[in-house]
C-alpha atoms as a PDB file:
ATOM      1  CA  MET A   1      98.391 141.438 121.194  1.00  0.00           C
ATOM      2  CA  LYS A   2      99.673 139.392 124.119  1.00  0.00           C
ATOM      3  CA  ILE A   3      99.925 135.639 123.637  1.00  0.00           C
ATOM      4  CA  LYS A   4     101.308 132.586 125.405  1.00  0.00           C
ATOM      5  CA  ARG A   5     104.743 131.887 123.914  1.00  0.00           C
ATOM      6  CA  GLU A   6     104.618 128.107 124.347  1.00  0.00           C
ATOM      7  CA  GLU A   7     101.097 127.930 122.921  1.00  0.00           C
ATOM      8  CA  LEU A   8     102.220 129.660 119.725  1.00  0.00           C
ATOM      9  CA  LEU A   9     105.357 127.547 119.508  1.00  0.00           C
ATOM     10  CA  SER A  10     103.328 124.350 119.874  1.00  0.00           C
ATOM     11  CA  GLN A  11     100.958 125.424 117.098  1.00  0.00           C
ATOM     12  CA  LEU A  12     103.818 126.222 114.732  1.00  0.00           C
ATOM     13  CA  LEU A  13     105.667 122.981 115.457  1.00  0.00           C
ATOM     14  CA  SER A  14     102.506 120.943 114.878  1.00  0.00           C
ATOM     15  CA  VAL A  15     102.327 122.119 111.250  1.00  0.00           C
ATOM     16  CA  SER A  16     106.096 122.203 110.617  1.00  0.00           C
ATOM     17  CA  PRO A  17     106.121 118.752 108.927  1.00  0.00           C
ATOM     18  CA  GLY A  18     104.298 120.439 106.042  1.00  0.00           C
ATOM     19  CA  LEU A  19     107.102 122.896 105.351  1.00  0.00           C
ATOM     20  CA  PRO A  20     108.777 122.219 101.981  1.00  0.00           C
ATOM     21  CA  LYS A  21     112.065 120.321 102.328  1.00  0.00           C
ATOM     22  CA  LYS A  22     113.603 121.383  99.008  1.00  0.00           C
ATOM     23  CA  VAL A  23     113.330 125.047  98.118  1.00  0.00           C
ATOM     24  CA  GLY A  24     115.307 127.481  96.019  1.00  0.00           C
ATOM     25  CA  GLN A  25     117.427 130.342  97.283  1.00  0.00           C
ATOM     26  CA  GLU A  26     114.607 132.794  96.645  1.00  0.00           C
ATOM     27  CA  GLN A  27     112.054 130.644  98.456  1.00  0.00           C
ATOM     28  CA  LYS A  28     112.300 129.971 102.178  1.00  0.00           C
ATOM     29  CA  PRO A  29     110.086 127.662 104.267  1.00  0.00           C
ATOM     30  CA  SER A  30     107.309 129.913 105.561  1.00  0.00           C
ATOM     31  CA  PHE A  31     104.122 129.813 107.592  1.00  0.00           C
ATOM     32  CA  TYR A  32     100.958 131.228 106.036  1.00  0.00           C
ATOM     33  CA  ILE A  33      98.900 132.800 108.815  1.00  0.00           C
ATOM     34  CA  THR A  34      95.412 134.023 108.029  1.00  0.00           C
ATOM     35  CA  ASP A  35      92.058 134.225 109.814  1.00  0.00           C
ATOM     36  CA  GLY A  36      93.429 132.605 112.975  1.00  0.00           C
ATOM     37  CA  VAL A  37      94.878 129.582 111.172  1.00  0.00           C
ATOM     38  CA  VAL A  38      98.517 128.741 110.428  1.00  0.00           C
ATOM     39  CA  TYR A  39      99.387 126.722 107.315  1.00  0.00           C
ATOM     40  CA  ALA A  40     102.525 124.954 106.139  1.00  0.00           C
ATOM     41  CA  LEU A  41     102.426 124.094 102.456  1.00  0.00           C
ATOM     42  CA  GLY A  42     104.462 121.245 100.991  1.00  0.00           C
ATOM     43  CA  ASP A  43     104.344 119.311  97.728  1.00  0.00           C
ATOM     44  CA  GLU A  44     102.981 116.102  99.281  1.00  0.00           C
ATOM     45  CA  ILE A  45     101.218 117.334 102.432  1.00  0.00           C
ATOM     46  CA  VAL A  46      99.533 120.479 103.675  1.00  0.00           C
ATOM     47  CA  CYS A  47      99.256 121.075 107.425  1.00  0.00           C
ATOM     48  CA  SER A  48      97.039 123.555 109.240  1.00  0.00           C
ATOM     49  CA  SER A  49      96.141 124.354 112.835  1.00  0.00           C
ATOM     50  CA  PRO A  50      94.237 127.003 114.780  1.00  0.00           C
ATOM     51  CA  CYS A  51      96.640 129.808 115.670  1.00  0.00           C
ATOM     52  CA  CYS A  52      96.571 132.360 118.467  1.00  0.00           C
ATOM     53  CA  LEU A  53      97.907 135.052 116.080  1.00  0.00           C
ATOM     54  CA  ILE A  54      94.367 135.996 115.110  1.00  0.00           C
ATOM     55  CA  ASP A  55      95.241 139.498 113.876  1.00  0.00           C
ATOM     56  CA  VAL A  56      98.154 138.426 111.675  1.00  0.00           C
ATOM     57  CA  ASN A  57      97.445 137.829 107.990  1.00  0.00           C
ATOM     58  CA  ARG A  58     100.917 137.423 106.604  1.00  0.00           C
ATOM     59  CA  VAL A  59     103.532 135.011 105.276  1.00  0.00           C
ATOM     60  CA  VAL A  60     106.180 134.589 107.986  1.00  0.00           C
ATOM     61  CA  PRO A  61     109.569 132.880 107.502  1.00  0.00           C
ATOM     62  CA  ALA A  62     109.481 129.720 109.621  1.00  0.00           C
ATOM     63  CA  GLN A  63     113.064 129.340 110.824  1.00  0.00           C
ATOM     64  CA  PRO A  64     113.610 132.669 112.624  1.00  0.00           C
ATOM     65  CA  LEU A  65     110.154 132.668 114.205  1.00  0.00           C
ATOM     66  CA  VAL A  66     110.425 129.124 115.603  1.00  0.00           C
ATOM     67  CA  GLU A  67     114.025 129.519 116.757  1.00  0.00           C
ATOM     68  CA  LEU A  68     113.300 132.824 118.478  1.00  0.00           C
ATOM     69  CA  LEU A  69     110.286 131.409 120.332  1.00  0.00           C
ATOM     70  CA  LYS A  70     112.407 128.494 121.523  1.00  0.00           C
ATOM     71  CA  LYS A  71     115.096 130.779 122.912  1.00  0.00           C
ATOM     72  CA  LEU A  72     112.876 133.330 124.644  1.00  0.00           C
ATOM     73  CA  SER A  73     112.111 132.637 128.299  1.00  0.00           C
ATOM     74  CA  GLU A  74     108.943 134.693 128.801  1.00  0.00           C
ATOM     75  CA  ASP A  75     105.672 132.874 129.410  1.00  0.00           C
ATOM     76  CA  GLU A  76     103.850 135.700 127.648  1.00  0.00           C
ATOM     77  CA  ILE A  77     105.040 137.828 124.743  1.00  0.00           C
ATOM     78  CA  GLU A  78     103.563 140.698 122.756  1.00  0.00           C
ATOM     79  CA  VAL A  79     103.196 140.372 118.988  1.00  0.00           C
ATOM     80  CA  GLU A  80     102.409 143.232 116.617  1.00  0.00           C
ATOM     81  CA  SER A  81     101.835 142.834 112.886  1.00  0.00           C
ATOM     82  CA  GLN A  82     102.934 145.727 110.690  1.00  0.00           C
ATOM     83  CA  LEU A  83     102.825 145.932 106.895  1.00  0.00           C
ATOM     84  CA  ASP A  84     106.268 144.423 106.325  1.00  0.00           C
ATOM     85  CA  ASN A  85     107.363 143.326 109.787  1.00  0.00           C
ATOM     86  CA  LEU A  86     106.303 141.189 112.709  1.00  0.00           C
ATOM     87  CA  LEU A  87     107.362 142.705 116.012  1.00  0.00           C
ATOM     88  CA  ILE A  88     107.902 140.351 118.957  1.00  0.00           C
ATOM     89  CA  LYS A  89     108.384 141.953 122.345  1.00  0.00           C
ATOM     90  CA  GLY A  90     109.570 140.461 125.607  1.00  0.00           C
ATOM     91  CA  LYS A  91     110.941 141.933 128.799  1.00  0.00           C
ATOM     92  CA  ARG A  92     113.589 144.414 127.591  1.00  0.00           C
ATOM     93  CA  LYS A  93     113.644 142.503 124.277  1.00  0.00           C
ATOM     94  CA  LEU A  94     112.465 143.335 120.784  1.00  0.00           C
ATOM     95  CA  ALA A  95     112.712 141.378 117.542  1.00  0.00           C
ATOM     96  CA  LYS A  96     111.599 142.323 114.046  1.00  0.00           C
ATOM     97  CA  ILE A  97     110.935 139.612 111.446  1.00  0.00           C
ATOM     98  CA  LYS A  98     110.331 140.553 107.823  1.00  0.00           C
ATOM     99  CA  ILE A  99     106.949 139.338 106.562  1.00  0.00           C
ATOM    100  CA  GLU A 100     104.922 139.460 103.359  1.00  0.00           C
ATOM    101  CA  VAL A 101     101.262 139.973 102.536  1.00  0.00           C
ATOM    102  CA  CYS A 102      99.310 136.711 102.337  1.00  0.00           C
ATOM    103  CA  ASP A 103      97.536 137.396  99.025  1.00  0.00           C
ATOM    104  CA  GLU A 104      96.699 133.804  98.042  1.00  0.00           C
ATOM    105  CA  ASP A 105      94.489 131.053  99.383  1.00  0.00           C
ATOM    106  CA  PRO A 106      96.764 128.625 101.312  1.00  0.00           C
ATOM    107  CA  LEU A 107      94.424 125.762 100.395  1.00  0.00           C
ATOM    108  CA  GLU A 108      94.345 126.524  96.677  1.00  0.00           C
ATOM    109  CA  GLY A 109      94.630 123.173  94.887  1.00  0.00           C
ATOM    110  CA  VAL A 110      93.571 121.203  97.975  1.00  0.00           C
ATOM    111  CA  ASP A 111      90.117 119.627  97.707  1.00  0.00           C
ATOM    112  CA  GLU A 112      87.444 121.008 100.016  1.00  0.00           C
ATOM    113  CA  VAL A 113      86.274 118.558 102.670  1.00  0.00           C
ATOM    114  CA  SER A 114      82.523 118.190 103.098  1.00  0.00           C
ATOM    115  CA  ASN A 115      82.331 115.038 105.200  1.00  0.00           C
ATOM    116  CA  TRP A 116      84.633 113.849 107.999  1.00  0.00           C
ATOM    117  CA  VAL A 117      84.309 110.279 109.299  1.00  0.00           C
ATOM    118  CA  GLU A 118      85.806 108.453 112.277  1.00  0.00           C
ATOM    119  CA  LEU A 119      89.357 107.194 111.750  1.00  0.00           C
ATOM    120  CA  PRO A 120      89.986 103.564 112.797  1.00  0.00           C
ATOM    121  CA  GLY A 121      91.813 103.621 116.108  1.00  0.00           C
ATOM    122  CA  ASP A 122      94.769 101.560 114.879  1.00  0.00           C
ATOM    123  CA  PHE A 123      95.313 103.327 111.544  1.00  0.00           C
ATOM    124  CA  SER A 124      98.208 105.429 112.859  1.00  0.00           C
ATOM    125  CA  LYS A 125      99.705 102.257 114.332  1.00  0.00           C
ATOM    126  CA  ALA A 126      99.414 100.638 110.912  1.00  0.00           C
ATOM    127  CA  ILE A 127     101.344 103.504 109.283  1.00  0.00           C
ATOM    128  CA  GLU A 128     103.981 103.270 112.020  1.00  0.00           C
ATOM    129  CA  ILE A 129     104.377  99.520 111.392  1.00  0.00           C
ATOM    130  CA  VAL A 130     104.672  99.573 107.593  1.00  0.00           C
ATOM    131  CA  SER A 131     106.592 102.853 107.235  1.00  0.00           C
ATOM    132  CA  PRO A 132     110.086 101.422 108.011  1.00  0.00           C
ATOM    133  CA  CYS A 133     109.822  99.011 105.066  1.00  0.00           C
ATOM    134  CA  VAL A 134     109.465 101.784 102.477  1.00  0.00           C
ATOM    135  CA  SER A 135     112.479 102.874 100.429  1.00  0.00           C
ATOM    136  CA  ARG A 136     114.004 106.202 101.491  1.00  0.00           C
ATOM    137  CA  GLY A 137     116.102 106.630  98.335  1.00  0.00           C
ATOM    138  CA  GLU A 138     115.481 108.642  95.183  1.00  0.00           C
ATOM    139  CA  GLY A 139     114.729 105.554  93.079  1.00  0.00           C
ATOM    140  CA  VAL A 140     111.425 104.059  91.929  1.00  0.00           C
ATOM    141  CA  PHE A 141     108.491 106.313  92.864  1.00  0.00           C
ATOM    142  CA  ILE A 142     106.156 103.555  94.028  1.00  0.00           C
ATOM    143  CA  LEU A 143     108.741 102.139  96.463  1.00  0.00           C
ATOM    144  CA  GLY A 144     108.627 105.427  98.378  1.00  0.00           C
ATOM    145  CA  CYS A 145     104.873 105.117  98.864  1.00  0.00           C
ATOM    146  CA  ILE A 146     102.475 103.416 101.244  1.00  0.00           C
ATOM    147  CA  HIS A 147      99.678 101.446  99.621  1.00  0.00           C
ATOM    148  CA  ILE A 148      96.255 101.973 101.194  1.00  0.00           C
ATOM    149  CA  HIS A 149      94.092  99.048 100.140  1.00  0.00           C
ATOM    150  CA  PRO A 150      90.390  98.824 101.100  1.00  0.00           C
ATOM    151  CA  GLU A 151      91.349  96.122 103.654  1.00  0.00           C
ATOM    152  CA  TRP A 152      94.963  96.880 104.634  1.00  0.00           C
ATOM    153  CA  VAL A 153      97.934  99.229 104.353  1.00  0.00           C
ATOM    154  CA  GLU A 154     101.364  98.056 103.251  1.00  0.00           C
ATOM    155  CA  GLY A 155     104.829  99.275 102.340  1.00  0.00           C
ATOM    156  CA  SER A 156     107.759  97.644 100.585  1.00  0.00           C
ATOM    157  CA  ASP A 157     111.213  98.507  99.274  1.00  0.00           C
ATOM    158  CA  ASN A 158     111.103  95.420  97.036  1.00  0.00           C
ATOM    159  CA  TYR A 159     113.158  93.429  99.554  1.00  0.00           C
ATOM    160  CA  GLN A 160     110.992  93.607 102.646  1.00  0.00           C
ATOM    161  CA  LEU A 161     107.267  94.097 103.056  1.00  0.00           C
ATOM    162  CA  ALA A 162     104.928  94.872 105.952  1.00  0.00           C
ATOM    163  CA  ARG A 163     101.163  94.603 105.673  1.00  0.00           C
ATOM    164  CA  TYR A 164      98.761  95.692 108.429  1.00  0.00           C
ATOM    165  CA  SER A 165      95.068  94.789 108.349  1.00  0.00           C
ATOM    166  CA  VAL A 166      92.943  97.907 108.808  1.00  0.00           C
ATOM    167  CA  ALA A 167      90.071  99.259 106.715  1.00  0.00           C
ATOM    168  CA  LEU A 168      89.467 102.922 105.905  1.00  0.00           C
ATOM    169  CA  GLY A 169      86.393 102.025 103.885  1.00  0.00           C
ATOM    170  CA  LEU A 170      87.850 103.310 100.611  1.00  0.00           C
ATOM    171  CA  ALA A 171      86.267 101.979  97.450  1.00  0.00           C
ATOM    172  CA  ASP A 172      89.586 101.769  95.591  1.00  0.00           C
ATOM    173  CA  SER A 173      93.259 101.429  96.443  1.00  0.00           C
ATOM    174  CA  VAL A 174      95.428 104.554  96.551  1.00  0.00           C
ATOM    175  CA  VAL A 175      99.073 105.253  97.259  1.00  0.00           C
ATOM    176  CA  VAL A 176     100.523 108.173  99.218  1.00  0.00           C
ATOM    177  CA  ARG A 177     104.090 109.247  99.776  1.00  0.00           C
ATOM    178  CA  GLU A 178     105.422 107.668 102.980  1.00  0.00           C
ATOM    179  CA  GLU A 179     107.318 110.809 103.983  1.00  0.00           C
ATOM    180  CA  GLY A 180     104.012 112.653 104.098  1.00  0.00           C
ATOM    181  CA  ILE A 181     101.555 110.284 105.714  1.00  0.00           C
ATOM    182  CA  ARG A 182     103.985 109.183 108.422  1.00  0.00           C
ATOM    183  CA  GLN A 183     103.552 112.672 109.901  1.00  0.00           C
ATOM    184  CA  ILE A 184     100.148 111.657 111.293  1.00  0.00           C
ATOM    185  CA  VAL A 185     101.824 109.190 113.686  1.00  0.00           C
ATOM    186  CA  GLY A 186     101.717 110.538 117.225  1.00  0.00           C
ATOM    187  CA  CYS A 187      99.211 113.288 116.376  1.00  0.00           C
ATOM    188  CA  ASP A 188      96.157 111.513 117.835  1.00  0.00           C
ATOM    189  CA  MET A 189      94.145 111.798 114.627  1.00  0.00           C
ATOM    190  CA  VAL A 190      90.481 110.918 115.141  1.00  0.00           C
ATOM    191  CA  GLU A 191      88.850 111.767 111.788  1.00  0.00           C
ATOM    192  CA  PHE A 192      89.650 111.430 108.114  1.00  0.00           C
ATOM    193  CA  ALA A 193      88.167 112.368 104.766  1.00  0.00           C
ATOM    194  CA  ALA A 194      88.893 111.125 101.251  1.00  0.00           C
ATOM    195  CA  THR A 195      88.499 113.590  98.391  1.00  0.00           C
ATOM    196  CA  GLU A 196      89.399 113.377  94.726  1.00  0.00           C
ATOM    197  CA  SER A 197      93.133 114.065  95.099  1.00  0.00           C
ATOM    198  CA  TRP A 198      93.819 114.082  98.858  1.00  0.00           C
ATOM    199  CA  LEU A 199      93.463 112.138 102.088  1.00  0.00           C
ATOM    200  CA  HIS A 200      92.786 114.402 105.068  1.00  0.00           C
ATOM    201  CA  PHE A 201      93.308 113.672 108.771  1.00  0.00           C
ATOM    202  CA  ARG A 202      92.244 115.765 111.761  1.00  0.00           C
ATOM    203  CA  ASN A 203      92.633 115.612 115.554  1.00  0.00           C
ATOM    204  CA  LEU A 204      90.580 117.113 118.371  1.00  0.00           C
ATOM    205  CA  ALA A 205      92.891 120.137 118.626  1.00  0.00           C
ATOM    206  CA  GLY A 206      92.080 121.075 115.028  1.00  0.00           C
ATOM    207  CA  LEU A 207      95.412 120.012 113.531  1.00  0.00           C
ATOM    208  CA  ARG A 208      94.774 118.903 109.962  1.00  0.00           C
ATOM    209  CA  ILE A 209      97.186 117.036 107.690  1.00  0.00           C
ATOM    210  CA  SER A 210      96.222 116.568 104.042  1.00  0.00           C
ATOM    211  CA  CYS A 211      98.236 114.037 102.011  1.00  0.00           C
ATOM    212  CA  ARG A 212      98.281 114.018  98.224  1.00  0.00           C
ATOM    213  CA  LYS A 213      97.109 110.663  96.882  1.00  0.00           C
ATOM    214  CA  TYR A 214      98.044 108.878  93.675  1.00  0.00           C
ATOM    215  CA  MET A 215      96.327 106.189  91.639  1.00  0.00           C
ATOM    216  CA  GLU A 216      99.508 104.390  90.483  1.00  0.00           C
ATOM    217  CA  PRO A 217      99.060 100.589  90.506  1.00  0.00           C
ATOM    218  CA  TYR A 218     100.758  98.742  93.370  1.00  0.00           C
ATOM    219  CA  HIS A 219     102.216  95.272  93.053  1.00  0.00           C
ATOM    220  CA  ASP A 220     100.104  92.425  94.432  1.00  0.00           C
ATOM    221  CA  PHE A 221     102.124  90.852  97.254  1.00  0.00           C
ATOM    222  CA  SER A 222      99.361  88.546  98.522  1.00  0.00           C
ATOM    223  CA  HIS A 223     101.183  85.392  97.438  1.00  0.00           C
ATOM    224  CA  LEU A 224     103.952  86.237  99.939  1.00  0.00           C
ATOM    225  CA  MET A 225     101.511  85.817 102.814  1.00  0.00           C
ATOM    226  CA  GLU A 226     101.422  82.057 102.268  1.00  0.00           C
ATOM    227  CA  GLY A 227     103.950  79.211 102.229  1.00  0.00           C
ATOM    228  CA  THR A 228     105.437  76.831 104.760  1.00  0.00           C
ATOM    229  CA  GLY A 229     108.906  76.653 106.278  1.00  0.00           C
ATOM    230  CA  ASP A 230     110.861  76.087 109.466  1.00  0.00           C
ATOM    231  CA  LYS A 231     109.596  77.870 112.558  1.00  0.00           C
ATOM    232  CA  ILE A 232     112.153  79.783 114.606  1.00  0.00           C
ATOM    233  CA  VAL A 233     112.008  81.870 117.776  1.00  0.00           C
ATOM    234  CA  PHE A 234     114.019  85.075 118.074  1.00  0.00           C
ATOM    235  CA  PRO A 235     116.397  85.041 121.051  1.00  0.00           C
ATOM    236  CA  LYS A 236     115.611  87.086 124.142  1.00  0.00           C
ATOM    237  CA  GLY A 237     117.337  90.443 124.288  1.00  0.00           C
ATOM    238  CA  LEU A 238     117.187  90.967 120.520  1.00  0.00           C
ATOM    239  CA  ASP A 239     116.119  94.571 121.113  1.00  0.00           C
ATOM    240  CA  LYS A 240     119.362  95.274 122.986  1.00  0.00           C
ATOM    241  CA  ILE A 241     121.413  93.791 120.133  1.00  0.00           C
ATOM    242  CA  ILE A 242     119.573  95.968 117.609  1.00  0.00           C
ATOM    243  CA  ASP A 243     120.178  99.036 119.761  1.00  0.00           C
ATOM    244  CA  LYS A 244     123.931  98.469 119.510  1.00  0.00           C
ATOM    245  CA  ALA A 245     123.930  97.516 115.824  1.00  0.00           C
ATOM    246  CA  GLU A 246     121.991 100.676 114.980  1.00  0.00           C
ATOM    247  CA  VAL A 247     124.918 102.801 116.143  1.00  0.00           C
ATOM    248  CA  PHE A 248     126.426 102.053 112.733  1.00  0.00           C
ATOM    249  CA  SER A 249     123.388 101.278 110.556  1.00  0.00           C
ATOM    250  CA  ARG A 250     121.767 104.599 111.436  1.00  0.00           C
ATOM    251  CA  GLY A 251     123.949 106.342 108.857  1.00  0.00           C
ATOM    252  CA  ASP A 252     122.391 104.245 106.101  1.00  0.00           C
ATOM    253  CA  SER A 253     119.448 106.000 104.405  1.00  0.00           C
ATOM    254  CA  ASP A 254     117.177 102.995 104.985  1.00  0.00           C
ATOM    255  CA  ASN A 255     118.649 102.160 108.433  1.00  0.00           C
ATOM    256  CA  ASN A 256     118.673  98.395 107.875  1.00  0.00           C
ATOM    257  CA  VAL A 257     120.504  95.685 109.773  1.00  0.00           C
ATOM    258  CA  ARG A 258     121.395  92.265 108.423  1.00  0.00           C
ATOM    259  CA  LEU A 259     120.185  89.022 109.974  1.00  0.00           C
ATOM    260  CA  GLU A 260     122.311  85.978 109.198  1.00  0.00           C
ATOM    261  CA  LEU A 261     120.961  82.514 109.983  1.00  0.00           C
ATOM    262  CA  ASP A 262     123.269  79.513 110.119  1.00  0.00           C
ATOM    263  CA  SER A 263     123.196  76.189 111.884  1.00  0.00           C
ATOM    264  CA  GLY A 264     122.421  76.889 115.536  1.00  0.00           C
ATOM    265  CA  LYS A 265     123.090  80.641 115.446  1.00  0.00           C
ATOM    266  CA  LEU A 266     121.717  84.048 114.564  1.00  0.00           C
ATOM    267  CA  VAL A 267     124.101  86.868 113.664  1.00  0.00           C
ATOM    268  CA  VAL A 268     122.971  90.512 113.764  1.00  0.00           C
ATOM    269  CA  VAL A 269     125.132  92.951 111.783  1.00  0.00           C
ATOM    270  CA  GLY A 270     124.863  96.730 111.687  1.00  0.00           C
ATOM    271  CA  LYS A 271     127.071  98.367 109.088  1.00  0.00           C
ATOM    272  CA  GLY A 272     127.518 101.933 107.949  1.00  0.00           C
ATOM    273  CA  GLU A 273     129.897 104.653 106.881  1.00  0.00           C
ATOM    274  CA  TYR A 274     131.875 104.597 110.139  1.00  0.00           C
ATOM    275  CA  GLY A 275     132.193 100.874 110.722  1.00  0.00           C
ATOM    276  CA  TRP A 276     130.165  97.889 111.790  1.00  0.00           C
ATOM    277  CA  TYR A 277     128.881  95.910 114.775  1.00  0.00           C
ATOM    278  CA  LYS A 278     128.230  92.165 114.957  1.00  0.00           C
ATOM    279  CA  GLU A 279     126.697  89.995 117.678  1.00  0.00           C
ATOM    280  CA  VAL A 280     126.028  86.256 117.679  1.00  0.00           C
ATOM    281  CA  ARG A 281     123.282  84.437 119.575  1.00  0.00           C
ATOM    282  CA  LYS A 282     122.340  80.766 119.770  1.00  0.00           C
ATOM    283  CA  ILE A 283     119.085  79.786 118.080  1.00  0.00           C
ATOM    284  CA  GLU A 284     117.272  76.581 117.210  1.00  0.00           C
ATOM    285  CA  TYR A 285     117.868  76.425 113.476  1.00  0.00           C
ATOM    286  CA  ASP A 286     119.457  73.703 111.369  1.00  0.00           C
ATOM    287  CA  GLY A 287     118.730  74.941 107.849  1.00  0.00           C
ATOM    288  CA  PRO A 288     121.036  76.371 105.186  1.00  0.00           C
ATOM    289  CA  PRO A 289     122.835  79.731 105.639  1.00  0.00           C
ATOM    290  CA  LEU A 290     120.464  82.631 104.890  1.00  0.00           C
ATOM    291  CA  SER A 291     120.790  86.402 105.055  1.00  0.00           C
ATOM    292  CA  PHE A 292     118.087  89.093 105.275  1.00  0.00           C
ATOM    293  CA  MET A 293     118.063  92.887 105.431  1.00  0.00           C
ATOM    294  CA  VAL A 294     115.507  94.267 107.889  1.00  0.00           C
ATOM    295  CA  ALA A 295     114.700  97.859 108.882  1.00  0.00           C
ATOM    296  CA  THR A 296     115.770  98.402 112.494  1.00  0.00           C
ATOM    297  CA  LYS A 297     112.386  99.844 113.526  1.00  0.00           C
ATOM    298  CA  MET A 298     110.651  96.827 112.056  1.00  0.00           C
ATOM    299  CA  LEU A 299     113.059  94.424 113.731  1.00  0.00           C
ATOM    300  CA  LEU A 300     112.415  96.109 117.075  1.00  0.00           C
ATOM    301  CA  GLU A 301     108.705  95.541 116.517  1.00  0.00           C
ATOM    302  CA  LEU A 302     109.326  91.895 115.609  1.00  0.00           C
ATOM    303  CA  SER A 303     111.468  91.381 118.711  1.00  0.00           C
ATOM    304  CA  LYS A 304     108.380  92.102 120.852  1.00  0.00           C
ATOM    305  CA  LYS A 305     106.313  89.443 119.126  1.00  0.00           C
ATOM    306  CA  SER A 306     106.040  85.791 120.031  1.00  0.00           C
ATOM    307  CA  GLY A 307     103.983  85.040 116.942  1.00  0.00           C
ATOM    308  CA  ASP A 308     104.639  82.740 114.039  1.00  0.00           C
ATOM    309  CA  CYS A 309     108.103  83.217 112.480  1.00  0.00           C
ATOM    310  CA  VAL A 310     108.749  81.056 109.434  1.00  0.00           C
ATOM    311  CA  VAL A 311     111.953  80.678 107.424  1.00  0.00           C
ATOM    312  CA  GLY A 312     111.670  79.291 103.909  1.00  0.00           C
ATOM    313  CA  ASP A 313     114.286  78.648 101.252  1.00  0.00           C
ATOM    314  CA  THR A 314     114.252  82.290 100.153  1.00  0.00           C
ATOM    315  CA  TYR A 315     112.316  84.241 102.755  1.00  0.00           C
ATOM    316  CA  LEU A 316     111.615  85.159 106.362  1.00  0.00           C
ATOM    317  CA  ARG A 317     107.991  85.751 107.345  1.00  0.00           C
ATOM    318  CA  VAL A 318     106.686  86.885 110.732  1.00  0.00           C
ATOM    319  CA  THR A 319     103.004  87.017 111.629  1.00  0.00           C
ATOM    320  CA  GLY A 320     102.069  89.377 114.439  1.00  0.00           C
ATOM    321  CA  ASP A 321      98.934  91.054 115.747  1.00  0.00           C
ATOM    322  CA  ASN A 322      97.101  92.280 112.621  1.00  0.00           C
ATOM    323  CA  PHE A 323     100.251  92.393 110.522  1.00  0.00           C
ATOM    324  CA  VAL A 324     102.573  90.269 108.448  1.00  0.00           C
ATOM    325  CA  PHE A 325     106.226  91.021 107.735  1.00  0.00           C
ATOM    326  CA  PHE A 326     108.145  89.444 104.854  1.00  0.00           C
ATOM    327  CA  SER A 327     111.786  89.701 103.823  1.00  0.00           C
ATOM    328  CA  ARG A 328     113.433  87.873 100.960  1.00  0.00           C
ATOM    329  CA  THR A 329     116.960  86.549 101.182  1.00  0.00           C
ATOM    330  CA  GLU A 330     119.887  88.586  99.943  1.00  0.00           C
ATOM    331  CA  VAL A 331     121.231  87.344  96.623  1.00  0.00           C
END
């Protein structure tokens, strides 16, 4: 069959976030293609999309197929599915990729969806806002999750917290792994469904991302949303300072920078394996010396806001459009 190379590549890349990240030597990240749909099966998320390989019902290793499609220059290629091989033909070019029979249901273990409902327009924005505050390490399970409350979503690494007001209409709170649900950002999801063990999202192109949900209890951070303190205003050009500090902080798994407040000045420090960067700016502040760790993506978001920024004895709290950010002082 003849297909558009870039169309196939786009379909494969759209589901690639679902490919397992940790696999054994005998197991390689693979696409499951069956009945005109391509699947990528991970532990925390399952991705699927309509696929132009309608006559291929096989398990195809992901890496060689994607890399080959990227390197070919033809607008149109010919694909032929044999028992054990996938033949890809271009102009004076031929590739053979070993494949396997797809003898299992790719959605086995994933709840069937019977009812899709409209996704709130700012839900993806909410995930984008709270995601940087989640722990990226291998530590406490719950700190690597995003909490989806009936009235908001939030994420915290136990030092900083972001909460965004948006309602999915769920009856009960659930948590999902941040590394999974953040994949919906930028995918223009318009519908969602909640089933017993999964949250499902879908866009108009048919891309579907299903995230495994958990019922683990999440700490109640509501008391952090209150409290008085000194109001401060971030200096202009903070985004440019962060951009330079991130050169070094980017190597850190959580990609945090440190904010240091002292009488009349704000110090931004980015530190990592290869060194550090520091920049000082004047600021209207006459309180005691304080230090906070803030995710660079979150700080970039805060730098755009002119909302209420309050510094207390042990915390920094910023109120923006539909969200609140909180960071406690370093001990």
